[in-house]
Amino acid sequence: MSDSIATDETTRLIASNKVDGTAVYNPDGERLGSIHNFMVNKRTGTVEYAVLQFGGILGFGSDYYPLPWNTLNYDSGQGGYVVNLSRETLESAPHYQATEEPVHDMDYGRRVHSHYGVSYPY
């Protein structure tokens, strides 16, 4: 028996450690950044948002942008997620720096979802 746990993906599921670092593109194929992590609702077990690391140079000086999970579409051809967002929409979105972190409460969740024009499910 192996001591390792399978961390692969199936056609329907993906392990959390495989999501971290996955590239995010806009519809034009421009790479916007990569998934830093994702936030899971403790009570429902659903992912509320993926946190996109965006900006800076080689990861230095980049900020973190929560994206509602349902704005991400996986594109196997690109090997990453595609979001139907312009760079300008993303730059004006709620975000934070590595030295801070917002209070991920319902008000923050509503503000993030509202910015992207999707309803907050909670």
Protein backbone atom coordinates (compact mmCIF):
# COMPACT_ATOMS: atom_id res chain seq x y z
CA MET A 1 0.00 0.00 0.00
CA SER A 2 1.34 3.44 -0.94
CA ASP A 3 1.78 6.26 1.58
CA SER A 4 1.00 8.88 -1.06
CA ILE A 5 -2.41 10.25 -1.81
CA ALA A 6 -3.51 10.58 -5.42
CA THR A 7 -3.35 14.24 -6.46
CA ASP A 8 -4.30 13.82 -10.08
CA GLU A 9 -7.45 14.93 -11.75
CA THR A 10 -10.37 13.17 -13.35
CA THR A 11 -12.67 14.44 -16.07
CA ARG A 12 -14.87 15.98 -13.35
CA LEU A 13 -12.60 16.65 -10.36
CA ILE A 14 -9.23 18.26 -9.73
CA ALA A 15 -7.07 18.17 -6.61
CA SER A 16 -6.54 21.53 -4.89
CA ASN A 17 -2.77 21.38 -5.26
CA LYS A 18 -3.17 21.08 -9.05
CA VAL A 19 -5.29 24.27 -9.18
CA ASP A 20 -2.62 26.36 -7.44
CA GLY A 21 -0.32 27.82 -10.07
CA THR A 22 -2.69 27.18 -12.98
CA ALA A 23 -2.51 29.92 -15.61
CA VAL A 24 -5.44 32.28 -16.19
CA TYR A 25 -6.05 33.82 -19.62
CA ASN A 26 -8.48 36.34 -21.08
CA PRO A 27 -10.52 35.36 -24.19
CA ASP A 28 -7.78 36.76 -26.46
CA GLY A 29 -5.29 34.24 -25.04
CA GLU A 30 -3.37 36.86 -23.06
CA ARG A 31 -2.02 35.38 -19.85
CA LEU A 32 -3.28 37.45 -16.91
CA GLY A 33 -1.62 35.57 -14.06
CA SER A 34 -2.04 32.33 -12.16
CA ILE A 35 -4.19 30.90 -9.40
CA HIS A 36 -2.54 31.53 -6.04
CA ASN A 37 -5.13 29.58 -4.06
CA PHE A 38 -8.87 29.30 -3.70
CA MET A 39 -11.26 29.99 -0.87
CA VAL A 40 -13.76 27.30 0.18
CA ASN A 41 -16.92 28.02 2.16
CA LYS A 42 -16.51 26.00 5.38
CA ARG A 43 -20.23 25.28 5.73
CA THR A 44 -21.21 24.41 2.16
CA GLY A 45 -17.90 23.04 0.91
CA THR A 46 -18.17 25.03 -2.30
CA VAL A 47 -15.44 27.20 -3.74
CA GLU A 48 -16.38 30.89 -3.48
CA TYR A 49 -13.43 32.32 -5.33
CA ALA A 50 -10.08 31.59 -6.79
CA VAL A 51 -7.39 34.10 -5.88
CA LEU A 52 -5.54 35.29 -8.98
CA GLN A 53 -1.96 36.50 -8.60
CA PHE A 54 -1.79 39.35 -11.10
CA GLY A 55 0.64 42.12 -12.00
CA GLY A 56 4.21 42.75 -10.99
CA ILE A 57 7.26 41.24 -12.61
CA LEU A 58 8.01 37.54 -12.15
CA GLY A 59 5.64 37.46 -9.19
CA PHE A 60 7.30 40.37 -7.39
CA GLY A 61 4.99 43.26 -6.68
CA SER A 62 1.92 41.34 -7.76
CA ASP A 63 -1.42 41.69 -6.04
CA TYR A 64 -4.15 39.14 -5.31
CA TYR A 65 -7.55 39.36 -7.00
CA PRO A 66 -10.41 37.13 -5.84
CA LEU A 67 -12.40 35.87 -8.84
CA PRO A 68 -15.80 34.23 -8.32
CA TRP A 69 -15.25 30.57 -9.10
CA ASN A 70 -18.06 30.55 -11.66
CA THR A 71 -16.23 33.16 -13.79
CA LEU A 72 -13.46 30.64 -14.53
CA ASN A 73 -13.78 28.21 -17.42
CA TYR A 74 -11.16 25.53 -17.83
CA ASP A 75 -9.70 25.30 -21.33
CA SER A 76 -7.80 22.05 -21.76
CA GLY A 77 -6.24 23.36 -25.00
CA GLN A 78 -4.52 26.16 -23.09
CA GLY A 79 -4.02 24.10 -19.95
CA GLY A 80 -5.52 26.88 -17.85
CA TYR A 81 -8.58 28.87 -16.96
CA VAL A 82 -10.15 31.49 -19.21
CA VAL A 83 -12.05 34.45 -17.76
CA ASN A 84 -14.24 36.68 -19.88
CA LEU A 85 -12.64 39.84 -18.49
CA SER A 86 -10.62 42.68 -19.85
CA ARG A 87 -7.38 43.66 -18.17
CA GLU A 88 -9.04 46.99 -17.22
CA THR A 89 -11.94 45.25 -15.46
CA LEU A 90 -9.48 43.14 -13.53
CA GLU A 91 -7.25 46.09 -12.59
CA SER A 92 -10.23 47.93 -11.06
CA ALA A 93 -11.44 44.86 -9.13
CA PRO A 94 -11.22 44.36 -5.36
CA HIS A 95 -7.72 43.15 -4.55
CA TYR A 96 -5.08 43.08 -1.85
CA GLN A 97 -1.32 42.88 -1.46
CA ALA A 98 0.67 39.97 -0.05
CA THR A 99 1.26 41.89 3.19
CA GLU A 100 -2.47 42.20 3.87
CA GLU A 101 -5.53 40.08 3.56
CA PRO A 102 -9.15 41.20 3.56
CA VAL A 103 -11.76 39.90 5.93
CA HIS A 104 -13.41 37.28 3.75
CA ASP A 105 -16.90 37.94 5.13
CA MET A 106 -20.23 38.07 3.29
CA ASP A 107 -19.94 41.80 2.59
CA TYR A 108 -16.58 41.27 0.91
CA GLY A 109 -17.96 38.31 -1.04
CA ARG A 110 -20.90 40.39 -2.28
CA ARG A 111 -18.55 43.21 -3.33
CA VAL A 112 -16.28 40.82 -5.26
CA HIS A 113 -19.17 39.09 -7.01
CA SER A 114 -20.89 42.39 -7.79
CA HIS A 115 -17.76 43.76 -9.46
CA TYR A 116 -17.83 40.88 -11.94
CA GLY A 117 -21.59 41.09 -12.48
CA VAL A 118 -22.45 37.75 -10.91
CA SER A 119 -24.79 37.16 -8.00
CA TYR A 120 -23.38 36.23 -4.61
CA PRO A 121 -24.80 32.77 -3.81
CA TYR A 122 -24.87 33.09 0.00
